[in-house]
N, C-alpha and C. Protein backbone atom coordinates (compact mmCIF):
# COMPACT_ATOMS: atom_id res chain seq x y z
N UNK A 1 37.49 -6.26 -4.87
CA UNK A 1 36.66 -5.26 -5.50
C UNK A 1 35.43 -5.04 -4.64
N UNK A 2 34.93 -3.82 -4.64
CA UNK A 2 33.67 -3.53 -3.98
C UNK A 2 32.69 -2.94 -4.99
N UNK A 3 31.42 -3.12 -4.71
CA UNK A 3 30.37 -2.57 -5.57
C UNK A 3 29.22 -2.13 -4.68
N UNK A 4 28.51 -1.10 -5.11
CA UNK A 4 27.38 -0.63 -4.33
C UNK A 4 26.08 -0.80 -5.12
N UNK A 5 25.01 -1.05 -4.37
CA UNK A 5 23.68 -1.22 -4.95
C UNK A 5 22.70 -0.45 -4.09
N UNK A 6 21.87 0.35 -4.70
CA UNK A 6 20.86 1.09 -3.94
C UNK A 6 19.90 0.11 -3.29
N UNK A 7 19.61 0.34 -2.01
CA UNK A 7 18.64 -0.48 -1.30
C UNK A 7 19.28 -1.54 -0.43
N UNK A 8 18.40 -2.28 0.22
CA UNK A 8 18.82 -3.36 1.12
C UNK A 8 18.91 -4.67 0.36
N UNK A 9 19.81 -5.56 0.79
CA UNK A 9 19.81 -6.90 0.20
C UNK A 9 18.56 -7.64 0.66
N UNK A 10 18.07 -8.59 -0.12
CA UNK A 10 16.84 -9.29 0.23
C UNK A 10 16.81 -9.84 1.66
N UNK A 11 17.92 -10.36 2.15
CA UNK A 11 17.93 -10.96 3.49
C UNK A 11 17.88 -9.94 4.62
N UNK A 12 18.03 -8.66 4.30
CA UNK A 12 17.97 -7.61 5.33
C UNK A 12 16.72 -6.74 5.22
N UNK A 13 15.78 -7.15 4.42
CA UNK A 13 14.53 -6.41 4.29
C UNK A 13 13.70 -6.57 5.56
N UNK A 14 12.74 -5.68 5.78
CA UNK A 14 11.82 -5.87 6.90
C UNK A 14 10.96 -7.12 6.66
N UNK A 15 10.19 -7.53 7.65
CA UNK A 15 9.46 -8.81 7.58
C UNK A 15 8.58 -8.93 6.34
N UNK A 16 7.86 -7.89 5.98
CA UNK A 16 7.00 -7.98 4.78
C UNK A 16 7.84 -8.23 3.54
N UNK A 17 8.99 -7.59 3.46
CA UNK A 17 9.88 -7.78 2.33
C UNK A 17 10.46 -9.18 2.29
N UNK A 18 10.86 -9.70 3.45
CA UNK A 18 11.40 -11.06 3.49
C UNK A 18 10.32 -12.08 3.11
N UNK A 19 9.08 -11.84 3.54
CA UNK A 19 7.98 -12.73 3.15
C UNK A 19 7.77 -12.70 1.64
N UNK A 20 7.81 -11.49 1.07
CA UNK A 20 7.67 -11.35 -0.38
C UNK A 20 8.78 -12.12 -1.09
N UNK A 21 10.02 -11.96 -0.62
CA UNK A 21 11.16 -12.65 -1.23
C UNK A 21 10.98 -14.15 -1.14
N UNK A 22 10.52 -14.65 0.00
CA UNK A 22 10.30 -16.08 0.18
C UNK A 22 9.28 -16.62 -0.83
N UNK A 23 8.18 -15.89 -1.01
CA UNK A 23 7.15 -16.32 -1.97
C UNK A 23 7.67 -16.21 -3.40
N UNK A 24 8.42 -15.16 -3.70
CA UNK A 24 8.97 -15.00 -5.05
C UNK A 24 9.98 -16.10 -5.35
N UNK A 25 10.79 -16.43 -4.36
CA UNK A 25 11.80 -17.48 -4.52
C UNK A 25 11.14 -18.81 -4.91
N UNK A 26 9.96 -19.09 -4.34
CA UNK A 26 9.24 -20.34 -4.66
C UNK A 26 8.81 -20.38 -6.13
N UNK A 27 8.58 -19.20 -6.71
CA UNK A 27 8.08 -19.17 -8.10
C UNK A 27 9.20 -19.04 -9.13
N UNK A 28 10.43 -18.83 -8.67
CA UNK A 28 11.56 -18.71 -9.60
C UNK A 28 12.28 -20.04 -9.66
N UNK A 29 12.48 -20.52 -10.87
CA UNK A 29 13.19 -21.78 -11.04
C UNK A 29 14.59 -21.46 -11.56
N UNK A 30 15.58 -21.85 -10.79
CA UNK A 30 16.96 -21.74 -11.24
C UNK A 30 17.61 -20.38 -11.08
N UNK A 31 17.06 -19.53 -10.26
CA UNK A 31 17.71 -18.24 -10.09
C UNK A 31 17.42 -17.60 -8.76
N UNK A 32 18.31 -16.73 -8.32
CA UNK A 32 18.11 -16.04 -7.04
C UNK A 32 17.16 -14.85 -7.20
N UNK A 33 16.64 -14.38 -6.09
CA UNK A 33 15.84 -13.16 -6.08
C UNK A 33 16.82 -11.99 -5.99
N UNK A 34 16.75 -11.09 -6.93
CA UNK A 34 17.65 -9.94 -6.91
C UNK A 34 16.91 -8.72 -6.37
N UNK A 35 17.68 -7.80 -5.78
CA UNK A 35 17.09 -6.62 -5.15
C UNK A 35 16.24 -5.82 -6.14
N UNK A 36 16.63 -5.79 -7.39
CA UNK A 36 15.87 -5.03 -8.38
C UNK A 36 14.44 -5.52 -8.55
N UNK A 37 14.24 -6.83 -8.44
CA UNK A 37 12.88 -7.36 -8.59
C UNK A 37 12.02 -6.99 -7.39
N UNK A 38 12.64 -6.90 -6.22
CA UNK A 38 11.91 -6.49 -5.01
C UNK A 38 11.53 -5.02 -5.12
N UNK A 39 12.45 -4.19 -5.56
CA UNK A 39 12.17 -2.77 -5.74
C UNK A 39 11.10 -2.56 -6.81
N UNK A 40 11.14 -3.36 -7.87
CA UNK A 40 10.13 -3.26 -8.93
C UNK A 40 8.74 -3.61 -8.40
N UNK A 41 8.66 -4.61 -7.53
CA UNK A 41 7.38 -4.98 -6.93
C UNK A 41 6.84 -3.84 -6.07
N UNK A 42 7.71 -3.22 -5.26
CA UNK A 42 7.26 -2.11 -4.43
C UNK A 42 6.84 -0.93 -5.28
N UNK A 43 7.60 -0.65 -6.34
CA UNK A 43 7.26 0.46 -7.24
C UNK A 43 5.91 0.21 -7.91
N UNK A 44 5.64 -1.02 -8.27
CA UNK A 44 4.35 -1.36 -8.89
C UNK A 44 3.21 -1.12 -7.91
N UNK A 45 3.38 -1.55 -6.66
CA UNK A 45 2.36 -1.30 -5.64
C UNK A 45 2.10 0.20 -5.48
N UNK A 46 3.18 0.97 -5.38
CA UNK A 46 3.05 2.42 -5.20
C UNK A 46 2.32 3.05 -6.37
N UNK A 47 2.69 2.66 -7.59
CA UNK A 47 2.06 3.24 -8.77
C UNK A 47 0.58 2.85 -8.86
N UNK A 48 0.26 1.59 -8.64
CA UNK A 48 -1.15 1.17 -8.72
C UNK A 48 -1.99 1.87 -7.66
N UNK A 49 -1.45 2.04 -6.46
CA UNK A 49 -2.17 2.76 -5.41
C UNK A 49 -2.39 4.23 -5.80
N UNK A 50 -1.37 4.85 -6.39
CA UNK A 50 -1.50 6.25 -6.82
C UNK A 50 -2.55 6.38 -7.92
N UNK A 51 -2.56 5.45 -8.85
CA UNK A 51 -3.56 5.48 -9.92
C UNK A 51 -4.96 5.34 -9.32
N UNK A 52 -5.11 4.44 -8.36
CA UNK A 52 -6.42 4.23 -7.73
C UNK A 52 -6.91 5.48 -7.00
N UNK A 53 -6.00 6.25 -6.42
CA UNK A 53 -6.37 7.47 -5.69
C UNK A 53 -6.55 8.68 -6.61
N UNK A 54 -6.11 8.56 -7.85
CA UNK A 54 -6.12 9.70 -8.76
C UNK A 54 -7.49 9.89 -9.42
N UNK A 55 -7.60 10.99 -10.19
CA UNK A 55 -8.82 11.20 -10.97
C UNK A 55 -8.66 10.64 -12.39
N UNK A 56 -7.57 9.94 -12.62
CA UNK A 56 -7.33 9.30 -13.91
C UNK A 56 -6.46 10.09 -14.86
N UNK A 57 -6.18 11.35 -14.53
CA UNK A 57 -5.30 12.13 -15.41
C UNK A 57 -3.85 11.88 -15.03
N UNK A 58 -2.98 12.10 -15.98
CA UNK A 58 -1.55 11.92 -15.73
C UNK A 58 -1.07 12.83 -14.61
N UNK A 59 -1.51 14.07 -14.62
CA UNK A 59 -1.10 15.03 -13.58
C UNK A 59 -1.56 14.58 -12.20
N UNK A 60 -2.75 14.05 -12.12
CA UNK A 60 -3.28 13.57 -10.84
C UNK A 60 -2.50 12.36 -10.34
N UNK A 61 -2.12 11.46 -11.23
CA UNK A 61 -1.33 10.30 -10.83
C UNK A 61 0.01 10.77 -10.26
N UNK A 62 0.65 11.73 -10.92
CA UNK A 62 1.92 12.26 -10.43
C UNK A 62 1.75 12.89 -9.05
N UNK A 63 0.70 13.69 -8.87
CA UNK A 63 0.43 14.29 -7.55
C UNK A 63 0.27 13.23 -6.48
N UNK A 64 -0.47 12.18 -6.80
CA UNK A 64 -0.70 11.11 -5.84
C UNK A 64 0.58 10.33 -5.54
N UNK A 65 1.41 10.16 -6.55
CA UNK A 65 2.70 9.51 -6.31
C UNK A 65 3.52 10.30 -5.30
N UNK A 66 3.57 11.62 -5.49
CA UNK A 66 4.37 12.48 -4.62
C UNK A 66 3.79 12.53 -3.20
N UNK A 67 2.49 12.27 -3.06
CA UNK A 67 1.85 12.27 -1.74
C UNK A 67 1.98 10.92 -1.03
N UNK A 68 2.49 9.94 -1.71
CA UNK A 68 2.55 8.59 -1.17
C UNK A 68 3.44 8.51 0.06
N UNK A 69 2.93 7.82 1.07
CA UNK A 69 3.66 7.50 2.29
C UNK A 69 3.49 6.00 2.49
N UNK A 70 4.55 5.25 2.35
CA UNK A 70 4.48 3.80 2.51
C UNK A 70 4.86 3.46 3.95
N UNK A 71 3.99 2.69 4.61
CA UNK A 71 4.27 2.21 5.96
C UNK A 71 4.34 0.69 5.92
N UNK A 72 5.46 0.17 6.38
CA UNK A 72 5.65 -1.29 6.43
C UNK A 72 5.46 -1.95 5.08
N UNK A 73 6.01 -1.34 4.05
CA UNK A 73 5.93 -1.92 2.72
C UNK A 73 6.99 -3.00 2.52
N UNK A 74 7.09 -3.48 1.32
CA UNK A 74 8.08 -4.51 0.98
C UNK A 74 9.49 -4.00 1.29
N UNK A 75 9.74 -2.72 1.02
CA UNK A 75 11.05 -2.13 1.28
C UNK A 75 11.13 -1.41 2.63
N UNK A 76 10.07 -1.45 3.39
CA UNK A 76 10.03 -0.74 4.67
C UNK A 76 9.11 0.47 4.55
N UNK A 77 9.37 1.48 5.37
CA UNK A 77 8.56 2.70 5.37
C UNK A 77 9.35 3.82 4.69
N UNK A 78 8.69 4.55 3.80
CA UNK A 78 9.36 5.64 3.10
C UNK A 78 8.32 6.56 2.47
N UNK A 79 8.80 7.71 2.02
CA UNK A 79 7.96 8.68 1.31
C UNK A 79 8.80 9.27 0.18
N UNK A 80 8.20 10.24 -0.51
CA UNK A 80 8.89 10.90 -1.62
C UNK A 80 9.04 12.38 -1.31
N UNK A 81 10.15 12.97 -1.74
CA UNK A 81 10.32 14.41 -1.57
C UNK A 81 9.77 15.15 -2.78
N UNK A 82 9.89 16.45 -2.81
CA UNK A 82 9.30 17.25 -3.89
C UNK A 82 9.93 16.98 -5.26
N UNK A 83 11.10 16.30 -5.26
CA UNK A 83 11.76 15.95 -6.51
C UNK A 83 11.44 14.52 -6.95
N UNK A 84 10.69 13.80 -6.12
CA UNK A 84 10.36 12.42 -6.43
C UNK A 84 11.36 11.41 -5.90
N UNK A 85 12.36 11.89 -5.15
CA UNK A 85 13.32 10.97 -4.55
C UNK A 85 12.73 10.39 -3.28
N UNK A 86 13.09 9.15 -2.96
CA UNK A 86 12.54 8.51 -1.77
C UNK A 86 13.39 8.80 -0.55
N UNK A 87 12.77 8.64 0.60
CA UNK A 87 13.49 8.77 1.86
C UNK A 87 14.17 7.46 2.24
N UNK A 88 13.99 6.42 1.42
CA UNK A 88 14.64 5.12 1.65
C UNK A 88 16.04 5.19 1.04
N UNK A 89 16.98 5.73 1.79
CA UNK A 89 18.30 6.03 1.22
C UNK A 89 19.39 5.02 1.50
N UNK A 90 19.04 3.80 1.82
CA UNK A 90 20.09 2.83 2.15
C UNK A 90 20.79 2.31 0.90
N UNK A 91 22.08 2.04 1.08
CA UNK A 91 22.91 1.51 0.00
C UNK A 91 23.68 0.32 0.56
N UNK A 92 23.68 -0.77 -0.18
CA UNK A 92 24.43 -1.95 0.24
C UNK A 92 25.77 -1.97 -0.49
N UNK A 93 26.83 -2.13 0.29
CA UNK A 93 28.19 -2.25 -0.27
C UNK A 93 28.54 -3.73 -0.24
N UNK A 94 28.87 -4.26 -1.40
CA UNK A 94 29.29 -5.65 -1.51
C UNK A 94 30.79 -5.71 -1.75
N UNK A 95 31.41 -6.68 -1.18
CA UNK A 95 32.81 -6.98 -1.48
C UNK A 95 32.78 -8.29 -2.26
N UNK A 96 33.46 -8.31 -3.38
CA UNK A 96 33.51 -9.51 -4.20
C UNK A 96 34.63 -10.39 -3.67
N UNK A 97 34.24 -11.56 -3.18
CA UNK A 97 35.20 -12.48 -2.58
C UNK A 97 35.11 -13.81 -3.32
N UNK A 98 36.21 -14.24 -3.91
CA UNK A 98 36.21 -15.50 -4.65
C UNK A 98 35.21 -15.49 -5.79
N UNK A 99 34.99 -14.34 -6.39
CA UNK A 99 34.06 -14.22 -7.52
C UNK A 99 32.60 -14.08 -7.14
N UNK A 100 32.30 -14.07 -5.84
CA UNK A 100 30.91 -13.97 -5.39
C UNK A 100 30.73 -12.74 -4.50
N UNK A 101 29.58 -12.06 -4.60
CA UNK A 101 29.35 -10.89 -3.75
C UNK A 101 29.05 -11.30 -2.31
N UNK A 102 29.65 -10.57 -1.37
CA UNK A 102 29.37 -10.76 0.05
C UNK A 102 29.06 -9.38 0.63
N UNK A 103 28.04 -9.30 1.45
CA UNK A 103 27.68 -8.00 2.04
C UNK A 103 28.83 -7.52 2.91
N UNK A 104 29.31 -6.33 2.61
CA UNK A 104 30.36 -5.72 3.40
C UNK A 104 29.77 -4.78 4.44
N UNK A 105 28.82 -3.94 3.99
CA UNK A 105 28.20 -2.97 4.88
C UNK A 105 26.95 -2.40 4.22
N UNK A 106 25.98 -2.01 5.02
CA UNK A 106 24.82 -1.27 4.55
C UNK A 106 24.93 0.12 5.15
N UNK A 107 24.88 1.14 4.29
CA UNK A 107 25.03 2.52 4.77
C UNK A 107 23.80 3.36 4.39
N UNK A 108 23.64 4.44 5.11
CA UNK A 108 22.62 5.43 4.76
C UNK A 108 23.33 6.78 4.68
N UNK A 109 23.71 7.19 3.46
CA UNK A 109 24.43 8.45 3.31
C UNK A 109 23.57 9.65 3.72
N UNK A 110 24.21 10.67 4.16
CA UNK A 110 23.52 11.92 4.50
C UNK A 110 22.86 12.49 3.25
N UNK A 111 21.67 13.03 3.42
CA UNK A 111 20.94 13.65 2.30
C UNK A 111 21.79 14.75 1.67
N UNK A 112 22.61 15.41 2.45
CA UNK A 112 23.43 16.52 1.92
C UNK A 112 24.43 16.04 0.88
N UNK A 113 24.76 14.76 0.87
CA UNK A 113 25.70 14.23 -0.12
C UNK A 113 25.11 14.11 -1.51
N UNK A 114 23.78 14.06 -1.60
CA UNK A 114 23.15 13.86 -2.89
C UNK A 114 22.46 15.11 -3.43
N UNK A 115 22.67 16.21 -2.80
CA UNK A 115 22.06 17.45 -3.28
C UNK A 115 22.92 18.14 -4.28
């Protein structure tokens, strides 16, 4: 069986992301670091930065979110398009082997596939 997950697996993140995963792993007892927690951390950083740059209104926060350009973040470098989608379009394909996921391939689909 194969399964896909949006984003990079923790071990293939850029250096800042791998450092984050290493620190998070130290604070988790009895469980692995999952990609969703890494993405949630990056999303939190992006949102807090947008709030700090805003005038405090909801509309201003949204404008600032859409203007966000992340350089060397936890997930790497990315921005948002006019629809709020990110330019970080990587997808990890896992193959389930012996009941455990193994990275099969990391792909970056063409933007034209998601329009």
